[in-house]
Protein backbone atom coordinates (compact mmCIF):
# COMPACT_ATOMS: atom_id res chain seq x y z
CA MET A 1 65.52 23.34 8.38
CA ALA A 2 63.91 21.31 11.17
CA LEU A 3 61.75 23.28 13.56
CA GLY A 4 60.43 22.62 17.03
CA HIS A 5 57.11 23.69 18.39
CA CYS A 6 57.56 27.38 17.77
CA ASN A 7 56.53 29.93 15.18
CA VAL A 8 59.13 30.86 12.61
CA VAL A 9 58.59 34.18 10.83
CA LEU A 10 59.67 34.52 7.23
CA VAL A 11 59.74 38.22 6.31
CA PHE A 12 59.43 39.56 2.79
CA MET A 13 61.03 43.01 2.78
CA ILE A 14 59.46 45.60 0.44
CA PHE A 15 61.30 48.81 -0.44
CA GLU A 16 59.85 52.32 -1.12
CA SER A 17 60.42 52.17 -4.82
CA SER A 18 57.32 51.08 -6.64
CA ARG A 19 59.51 48.69 -8.55
CA ALA A 20 61.54 47.52 -5.57
CA ALA A 21 62.30 43.79 -5.56
CA VAL A 22 60.92 41.51 -2.88
CA SER A 23 63.69 39.62 -1.09
CA LEU A 24 63.45 36.61 1.24
CA MET A 25 65.56 36.83 4.36
CA ARG A 26 65.91 33.06 4.62
CA GLY A 27 66.29 32.25 0.94
CA THR A 28 63.94 30.70 -1.57
CA SER A 29 63.79 27.19 -0.09
CA TRP A 30 62.60 26.05 3.30
CA THR A 31 62.75 22.46 4.56
CA LEU A 32 60.41 21.37 7.35
CA ASP A 33 59.76 18.12 9.17
CA SER A 34 56.26 16.73 8.99
CA GLY A 35 54.36 17.01 12.25
CA THR A 36 55.97 20.27 13.38
CA ARG A 37 54.53 23.86 13.36
CA ALA A 38 55.76 26.70 11.15
CA ALA A 39 54.72 30.15 9.92
CA ALA A 40 55.94 32.45 7.14
CA ASN A 41 55.18 36.20 7.24
CA CYS A 42 54.99 38.58 4.34
CA SER A 43 54.48 42.30 5.24
CA SER A 44 55.15 45.87 4.11
CA ARG A 45 56.53 48.57 6.41
CA ARG A 46 56.05 51.50 4.02
CA CYS A 47 52.68 50.69 2.58
CA GLN A 48 50.13 50.67 5.33
CA SER A 49 47.22 50.34 2.97
CA CYS A 50 48.79 47.37 1.13
CA HIS A 51 47.43 43.91 1.66
CA VAL A 52 49.11 40.52 1.22
CA THR A 53 47.84 37.33 -0.41
CA TRP A 54 49.33 33.83 -0.58
CA LYS A 55 48.82 31.42 -3.44
CA LYS A 56 50.15 27.92 -4.01
CA ASP A 57 51.36 26.86 -7.42
CA GLY A 58 49.33 24.05 -8.92
CA ASP A 59 46.49 24.44 -6.42
CA PRO A 60 43.83 26.90 -7.63
CA THR A 61 41.77 26.36 -4.48
CA PHE A 62 44.48 27.69 -2.20
CA HIS A 63 44.11 31.43 -1.50
CA LEU A 64 45.13 33.10 1.73
CA ALA A 65 44.49 36.83 2.30
CA ASN A 66 46.78 37.17 5.25
CA GLU A 67 50.29 38.30 5.87
CA THR A 68 51.16 35.11 7.76
CA LEU A 69 51.12 31.62 6.28
CA PHE A 70 50.47 29.15 9.10
CA LEU A 71 51.38 25.44 8.82
CA ASN A 72 50.16 23.68 11.94
CA PRO A 73 50.98 20.86 11.85
CA VAL A 74 53.20 20.54 8.81
CA ARG A 75 51.92 17.83 6.49
CA LYS A 76 53.55 16.24 3.49
CA THR A 77 50.81 17.79 1.35
CA ASP A 78 52.08 21.25 2.35
CA ARG A 79 55.09 20.80 0.10
CA GLY A 80 55.15 23.08 -2.92
CA ASN A 81 55.86 26.61 -4.16
CA TYR A 82 54.09 29.45 -2.35
CA THR A 83 53.90 32.97 -3.81
CA CYS A 84 53.40 36.06 -1.67
CA THR A 85 51.91 39.09 -3.50
CA VAL A 86 51.80 42.63 -2.08
CA GLU A 87 49.14 44.99 -3.54
CA ASP A 88 48.02 48.50 -2.65
CA SER A 89 44.46 49.58 -2.02
CA LYS A 90 44.04 50.59 -5.63
CA GLY A 91 44.91 47.10 -6.82
CA GLY A 92 48.36 48.00 -7.91
CA GLN A 93 50.82 45.14 -7.47
CA TRP A 94 54.04 46.13 -5.86
CA ASN A 95 55.86 42.85 -6.31
CA ASN A 96 55.91 39.21 -5.22
CA GLY A 97 58.24 36.52 -4.03
CA THR A 98 58.15 32.74 -4.18
CA LEU A 99 59.05 30.35 -1.39
CA GLU A 100 59.59 26.60 -1.98
CA ILE A 101 58.59 24.55 1.05
CA LEU A 102 60.04 21.05 1.29
CA VAL A 103 58.64 18.57 3.79
CA ASN A 104 60.61 15.66 5.19
CA TYR A 105 58.55 12.52 5.81
CA PRO A 106 59.32 8.80 6.06
CA THR A 107 59.29 6.43 3.13
CA GLU A 108 55.83 5.07 2.36
CA ASN A 109 53.51 3.74 -0.34
CA ILE A 110 56.00 1.38 -1.94
CA SER A 111 54.84 -0.85 -4.78
CA LEU A 112 56.56 -3.32 -7.09
CA SER A 113 55.18 -4.52 -10.40
CA VAL A 114 56.13 -5.79 -13.84
CA ASN A 115 55.91 -3.32 -16.69
CA THR A 116 55.57 -6.12 -19.20
CA PRO A 117 52.14 -7.64 -19.97
CA PRO A 118 50.53 -9.50 -18.34
CA TYR A 119 50.95 -7.05 -15.47
CA SER A 120 51.36 -8.42 -12.00
CA LYS A 121 52.32 -7.24 -8.50
CA SER A 122 53.19 -10.52 -6.78
CA HIS A 123 53.91 -13.29 -9.29
CA TYR A 124 54.99 -13.14 -12.90
CA LYS A 125 55.69 -16.00 -15.30
CA THR A 126 57.67 -15.62 -18.50
CA ARG A 127 59.48 -17.77 -21.06
CA GLU A 128 63.18 -18.24 -21.49
CA GLY A 129 64.77 -15.46 -23.56
CA ALA A 130 62.17 -12.78 -22.72
CA ASN A 131 62.92 -9.28 -21.39
CA VAL A 132 61.25 -8.25 -18.13
CA SER A 133 61.27 -4.84 -16.40
CA LEU A 134 60.50 -4.68 -12.68
CA SER A 135 59.26 -1.24 -11.58
CA CYS A 136 59.39 0.03 -8.02
CA SER A 137 57.61 3.23 -6.96
CA VAL A 138 58.06 4.79 -3.54
CA ASP A 139 57.05 7.97 -1.74
CA GLY A 140 59.07 9.88 0.86
CA PHE A 141 61.40 12.82 1.25
CA PRO A 142 64.34 13.17 0.98
CA PRO A 143 64.28 10.78 -1.98
CA PRO A 144 65.09 7.36 -0.47
CA LEU A 145 67.93 4.96 -1.07
CA VAL A 146 66.63 1.90 -2.94
CA LYS A 147 68.26 -1.55 -2.80
CA TRP A 148 67.31 -4.43 -5.07
CA HIS A 149 67.72 -8.01 -3.82
CA LYS A 150 67.30 -11.39 -5.50
CA ASP A 151 66.84 -14.43 -3.27
CA GLY A 152 68.44 -12.54 -0.39
CA GLY A 153 71.47 -11.22 -2.29
CA ALA A 154 71.98 -7.57 -3.29
CA VAL A 155 71.92 -7.01 -7.08
CA LYS A 156 71.50 -3.23 -7.47
CA THR A 157 71.51 0.01 -5.43
CA VAL A 158 69.94 3.30 -6.56
CA ASN A 159 70.29 6.62 -4.72
CA LEU A 160 67.14 8.52 -5.72
CA THR A 161 68.49 11.73 -4.19
CA GLN A 162 71.24 11.68 -6.80
CA LYS A 163 68.71 10.91 -9.51
CA TYR A 164 66.06 13.51 -8.61
CA GLY A 165 67.98 15.96 -6.44
CA LEU A 166 66.58 17.52 -3.25
CA HIS A 167 63.21 18.29 -4.77
CA GLN A 168 59.82 16.76 -4.31
CA HIS A 169 58.92 14.14 -6.86
CA PRO A 170 57.17 15.50 -9.95
CA GLY A 171 54.32 13.00 -9.68
CA LYS A 172 52.92 10.83 -6.94
CA SER A 173 56.14 8.94 -6.21
CA PHE A 174 59.75 8.31 -7.16
CA LEU A 175 60.41 5.53 -9.66
CA THR A 176 63.24 3.05 -10.16
CA SER A 177 63.47 -0.19 -12.13
CA TYR A 178 65.41 -3.41 -12.46
CA ASP A 179 65.65 -4.97 -15.92
CA VAL A 180 66.05 -8.65 -16.72
CA THR A 181 67.20 -9.18 -20.30
CA ASP A 182 67.19 -12.53 -22.10
CA ALA A 183 65.70 -14.25 -19.06
CA GLY A 184 67.02 -17.70 -18.19
CA CYS A 185 66.75 -20.32 -15.45
CA GLU A 186 69.23 -18.44 -13.31
CA ASP A 187 67.02 -15.31 -13.35
CA GLU A 188 64.10 -17.06 -11.66
CA GLY A 189 63.63 -16.11 -8.03
CA THR A 190 62.17 -13.64 -5.55
CA TYR A 191 63.02 -9.99 -6.21
CA VAL A 192 62.75 -7.39 -3.43
CA CYS A 193 62.68 -3.59 -3.69
CA GLN A 194 63.75 -2.05 -0.37
CA ALA A 195 63.63 1.70 0.24
CA GLY A 196 64.35 4.00 3.17
CA ASN A 197 65.40 7.59 3.95
CA GLY A 198 65.93 7.45 7.72
CA VAL A 199 63.48 10.25 8.55
CA MET A 200 62.30 9.95 12.16
CA ASP A 201 64.57 6.89 12.48
CA THR A 202 62.10 4.76 10.56
CA ALA A 203 63.17 1.38 9.17
CA PRO A 204 63.25 0.73 5.41
CA ILE A 205 60.13 -0.70 3.80
CA GLU A 206 60.03 -3.26 1.01
CA LYS A 207 57.94 -5.12 -1.55
CA TYR A 208 58.67 -8.39 -3.34
CA ILE A 209 57.64 -10.14 -6.53
CA MET A 210 58.24 -13.72 -7.66
CA LEU A 211 59.63 -14.06 -11.18
CA GLU A 212 59.12 -17.50 -12.73
CA VAL A 213 60.97 -18.44 -15.91
CA GLU A 214 60.00 -21.52 -17.93
CA CYS A 215 63.29 -22.93 -19.19
CA ALA A 216 65.03 -26.06 -20.45
CA PRO A 217 67.43 -27.82 -18.03
CA LYS A 218 70.97 -26.51 -17.64
CA VAL A 219 73.84 -27.09 -15.21
CA GLN A 220 74.32 -24.40 -12.58
CA ASP A 221 77.86 -22.96 -12.72
CA ALA A 222 78.69 -25.24 -15.64
CA ALA A 223 82.15 -23.69 -16.08
CA ARG A 224 83.14 -24.88 -12.60
CA GLN A 225 81.83 -28.42 -13.03
CA THR A 226 84.44 -31.21 -12.81
CA ARG A 227 84.43 -33.37 -15.95
CA THR A 228 87.22 -35.87 -15.23
CA TRP A 229 87.60 -37.95 -12.06
CA SER A 230 90.62 -40.09 -11.12
CA VAL A 231 90.31 -43.08 -8.83
CA GLN A 232 92.37 -46.04 -7.63
CA ARG A 233 91.36 -49.49 -8.75
CA GLY A 234 88.41 -50.68 -6.67
CA GLY A 235 87.75 -47.17 -5.32
CA THR A 236 84.56 -45.09 -5.15
CA VAL A 237 83.70 -41.91 -7.08
CA LEU A 238 80.92 -39.44 -6.23
CA VAL A 239 79.85 -37.18 -9.12
CA SER A 240 77.44 -34.34 -8.27
CA PHE A 241 75.99 -31.27 -9.95
CA THR A 242 72.95 -28.96 -9.70
CA VAL A 243 70.46 -28.66 -12.55
CA LEU A 244 68.19 -25.64 -13.06
CA SER A 245 64.92 -26.09 -14.97
CA ASN A 246 61.25 -25.15 -14.90
CA PRO A 247 59.38 -27.38 -14.61
CA LEU A 248 61.80 -29.62 -12.72
CA SER A 249 63.67 -32.07 -14.93
CA SER A 250 64.15 -35.80 -14.48
CA VAL A 251 66.80 -38.31 -15.64
CA ILE A 252 65.73 -40.16 -18.78
CA ALA A 253 69.03 -41.85 -19.70
CA TRP A 254 72.24 -42.93 -17.99
CA TRP A 255 74.90 -44.78 -19.94
CA ARG A 256 78.53 -45.82 -19.90
CA THR A 257 81.11 -46.41 -22.61
CA GLY A 258 84.14 -48.33 -21.34
CA GLU A 259 87.38 -49.64 -22.79
CA ASP A 260 85.74 -52.92 -23.74
CA THR A 261 81.98 -52.52 -23.29
CA SER A 262 79.12 -50.02 -23.57
CA ARG A 263 75.89 -50.31 -21.62
CA GLU A 264 72.77 -48.53 -20.37
CA ILE A 265 72.87 -48.23 -16.58
CA LEU A 266 69.54 -46.56 -15.74
CA ASN A 267 67.18 -49.40 -16.66
CA GLU A 268 69.43 -52.41 -16.10
CA GLY A 269 70.18 -51.83 -12.42
CA ASP A 270 73.64 -52.28 -11.01
CA ALA A 271 74.96 -52.63 -7.48
CA ASP A 272 78.12 -50.76 -8.46
CA HIS A 273 76.22 -47.59 -9.46
CA SER A 274 73.54 -45.42 -7.81
CA LEU A 275 71.80 -42.16 -8.79
CA ASN A 276 69.84 -39.86 -6.45
CA GLU A 277 67.83 -36.71 -7.26
CA THR A 278 67.02 -34.14 -4.55
CA ALA A 279 64.87 -31.02 -4.99
CA LEU A 280 66.58 -27.95 -3.51
CA GLY A 281 63.66 -25.56 -3.79
CA GLY A 282 62.66 -23.30 -6.64
CA ASN A 283 63.85 -24.63 -9.98
CA ALA A 284 67.01 -26.37 -8.67
CA ARG A 285 67.60 -30.11 -8.40
CA TYR A 286 70.73 -31.78 -6.98
CA ILE A 287 72.00 -34.86 -8.82
CA ALA A 288 74.35 -37.24 -6.94
CA ILE A 289 75.86 -40.24 -8.78
CA SER A 290 77.95 -42.84 -6.94
CA HIS A 291 80.25 -45.38 -8.61
CA TYR A 292 81.57 -48.23 -6.43
CA ASN A 293 84.42 -50.70 -7.01
CA VAL A 294 85.64 -48.89 -10.14
CA THR A 295 88.07 -51.07 -12.10
CA GLU A 296 87.89 -49.69 -15.62
CA THR A 297 88.28 -46.28 -17.23
CA GLY A 298 85.09 -45.13 -18.93
CA LEU A 299 83.00 -42.26 -20.29
CA TYR A 300 79.62 -41.73 -18.58
CA GLY A 301 76.62 -39.66 -19.63
CA VAL A 302 73.37 -38.54 -17.98
CA THR A 303 70.46 -37.02 -19.94
CA LEU A 304 67.75 -34.91 -18.27
CA ALA A 305 64.51 -33.53 -19.75
CA ASN A 306 61.52 -31.43 -18.65
CA GLY A 307 59.53 -30.97 -21.85
CA HIS A 308 61.40 -27.87 -23.04
CA GLU A 309 64.02 -28.27 -25.74
CA PRO A 310 66.87 -28.93 -25.78
CA ASN A 311 67.42 -31.80 -23.36
CA LEU A 312 70.50 -31.63 -21.17
CA THR A 313 73.27 -34.25 -21.43
CA VAL A 314 76.08 -34.16 -18.88
CA THR A 315 79.15 -36.27 -19.69
CA TYR A 316 82.06 -37.09 -17.42
CA THR A 317 85.07 -39.43 -17.46
CA ILE A 318 86.24 -41.73 -14.68
CA ARG A 319 89.88 -42.63 -15.13
CA VAL A 320 91.52 -45.49 -13.23
CA ASP A 321 95.05 -44.61 -12.10
CA LYS A 322 97.39 -46.89 -14.14
CA THR A 323 100.20 -46.87 -11.58
CA VAL A 324 97.89 -48.03 -8.85
CA LEU A 325 96.36 -50.59 -11.22
CA THR A 326 99.78 -52.32 -11.72
CA ASN A 327 100.50 -52.62 -8.01
CA GLN A 328 97.08 -53.83 -7.10
CA SER A 329 96.73 -56.29 -9.94
CA GLU A 330 99.43 -58.48 -8.33
CA THR A 331 97.52 -58.76 -5.07
CA GLY A 332 93.98 -57.80 -5.70
CA SER A 333 93.53 -60.13 -8.67
CA GLU A 334 94.92 -63.07 -6.70
CA VAL A 335 92.44 -62.49 -3.93
CA GLU A 336 89.59 -62.22 -6.42
CA ASP A 337 90.65 -65.32 -8.42
CA CYS A 338 91.44 -67.58 -5.43
CA ALA A 339 88.30 -69.66 -5.12
CA GLY A 340 87.46 -73.40 -4.98
CA ALA A 341 89.79 -75.83 -6.74
CA VAL A 342 92.04 -73.05 -8.02
CA CYS A 343 93.03 -72.13 -4.49
CA MET A 344 93.70 -75.81 -3.64
CA TYR A 345 96.03 -76.30 -6.65
CA LYS A 346 97.93 -73.16 -5.74
CA SER A 347 98.39 -74.47 -2.22
CA TYR A 348 99.84 -77.76 -3.54
CA ILE A 349 102.28 -75.94 -5.78
CA VAL A 350 103.47 -73.62 -3.02
CA GLY A 351 103.86 -76.53 -0.54
CA GLY A 352 105.88 -78.58 -3.02
CA CYS A 353 108.22 -75.70 -3.73
CA VAL A 354 108.85 -75.22 -0.03
CA ALA A 355 109.59 -78.93 0.54
CA LEU A 356 112.00 -79.05 -2.43
CA ALA A 357 113.87 -76.00 -1.17
CA ALA A 358 114.20 -77.58 2.31
CA GLY A 359 115.64 -80.80 0.80
CA VAL A 360 118.25 -78.93 -1.21
CA ILE A 361 119.36 -77.01 1.87
CA ALA A 362 119.67 -80.25 3.89
CA VAL A 363 121.90 -81.91 1.23
CA VAL A 364 124.21 -78.90 1.09
CA VAL A 365 124.58 -78.92 4.89
CA ILE A 366 125.43 -82.67 4.95
CA ILE A 367 128.06 -82.34 2.24
CA ALA A 368 129.66 -79.45 4.02
CA VAL A 369 129.88 -81.41 7.30
CA LYS A 370 131.49 -84.43 5.64
CA CYS A 371 134.03 -82.33 3.75
CA TYR A 372 135.44 -80.75 6.88
CA ARG A 373 136.23 -83.96 8.75
CA ARG A 374 139.98 -84.25 8.91
CA THR A 375 142.78 -86.06 10.85
CA ASP A 376 144.94 -84.68 13.60
CA ARG A 377 148.58 -83.67 13.09
CA ALA A 378 149.94 -87.04 14.27
CA GLY A 379 148.30 -88.74 11.37
CA ASP A 380 145.61 -90.49 13.35
CA PRO A 381 142.10 -89.87 12.23
CA VAL A 382 139.86 -87.92 14.54
CA GLN A 383 137.48 -90.24 16.32
CA ASP A 384 134.17 -90.13 14.62
CA HIS A 385 131.27 -89.10 16.68
CA SER A 386 128.03 -90.99 16.41
CA LEU A 387 126.57 -88.30 14.19
CA PHE A 388 129.35 -88.71 11.63
CA ARG A 389 129.01 -92.50 11.70
CA VAL A 390 125.34 -92.14 10.95
CA LEU A 391 126.13 -89.80 8.09
CA ASP A 392 128.70 -92.29 6.71
CA ASP A 393 126.08 -95.01 6.83
CA ILE A 394 123.54 -92.88 5.03
CA PHE A 395 125.99 -91.28 2.60
CA PRO A 396 128.96 -93.68 2.10
CA PRO A 397 132.19 -92.40 0.53
CA MET A 398 131.92 -92.02 -3.19
CA SER A 399 135.56 -93.36 -3.67
CA PRO A 400 137.93 -95.48 -1.54
CA PRO A 401 140.66 -93.86 0.58
CA VAL A 402 143.74 -92.84 -1.30
CA ALA A 403 146.76 -95.09 -0.51
CA GLY A 404 149.53 -93.44 1.44
CA ASN A 405 147.36 -90.66 2.58
CA ARG A 406 146.14 -90.79 6.16
CA ILE A 407 143.66 -88.00 5.56
CA TYR A 408 140.25 -89.40 4.92
CA TRP A 409 138.81 -87.35 2.04
CA ASN A 410 135.99 -88.35 -0.16
CA TYR A 411 136.50 -87.76 -3.84
CA PRO A 412 133.96 -85.03 -4.20
CA CYS A 413 135.42 -83.13 -1.25
CA ASN A 414 138.94 -83.73 -2.61
CA SER A 415 138.02 -82.20 -5.95
CA ILE A 416 136.17 -79.29 -4.36
CA ASN A 417 138.75 -78.49 -1.70
CA SER A 418 141.94 -79.25 -3.70
CA SER A 419 143.42 -75.99 -2.55
CA ILE A 420 143.41 -77.06 1.14
CA PRO A 421 146.99 -78.04 2.27
CA ARG A 422 147.47 -81.72 3.28
CA GLU A 423 150.07 -83.55 5.53
CA THR A 424 151.77 -86.49 3.83
CA HIS A 425 153.65 -89.24 5.71
CA VAL A 426 156.20 -91.40 3.82
């Protein structure tokens, strides 16, 4: 119960019977806020010669021969069990009663350490596979709410009120722990123990410890890593992944096995491939691999090492899309192969084909014009225009005119157009 700046009287009522029980009007537990004033009174109405004493459990130095227990101001050290004893002048004890005083005060005295040797309170280094227990102790009442964080993200929440109940801690502070089992690269980071109980609107307090894990390289979120990449012929592929290791790892091998060839890329140098390593902080390193002008399907591999076994080998496949390869091979290969004398010969061939096609078309047109020259209905030939005379000079009739027929047909036209009706004059 929170109190203001006023005296609160707690009365122990004693009955006439020598064996009468002592009862507390306000119960056996009393909650006060630190910094306030309070008083508890223990008196006897029937026994004028009786005197009252107060004692505090666990504190042999505390002895108060007074009916009223004054707490001004209330301190966190005032918490505990107080016993009021009523005795007569002859030393006969009538009875006693016990009052538990609880004191609310803000969270304080937080500490975070490792319970595994070598002990540390700020930085701890361990090997991969070890078990580590982080212990957080904190003072305050009511028992605070504790939140564990790793690198800014919440990993565990502990309600110490549920664990200990609404009672003062049995020792100097409340305890909670966070256990790391079979430590790996992913467990390295900064761990924070944050605790608060909201008394007097105070903000939570916290402590942190850096956990360092020596470990061999491994891919972060390996299950989500893409292993096969598809690309169009001549396209670009960017392969990236994050590697965790301590100490930081480095690339010691980079190779490729293709459909026709196998080669080491790292030491040979190649304008069609590039590899970049970027430190992300902590034990993380970002690997970015670029492949340019990809024309062949192949299996690639990258090996990283940091002195701890085993080394890490990441393999991935780049697959050239076959459908795109067929379409592009008809155009792309011609552009790539057209150089020097080859291009000149191709030009000659294409030009000759065009000229031959034009000649064939011209001959067909001339034959068609000659075949459709015919006489009029009176039997007199149509007067030749100059164009037809020129054509007759260049392409003379292949056979003489047929006797008795006024229509002037060449033999080839006569054989081709035999189905055309003719006028015959006798």
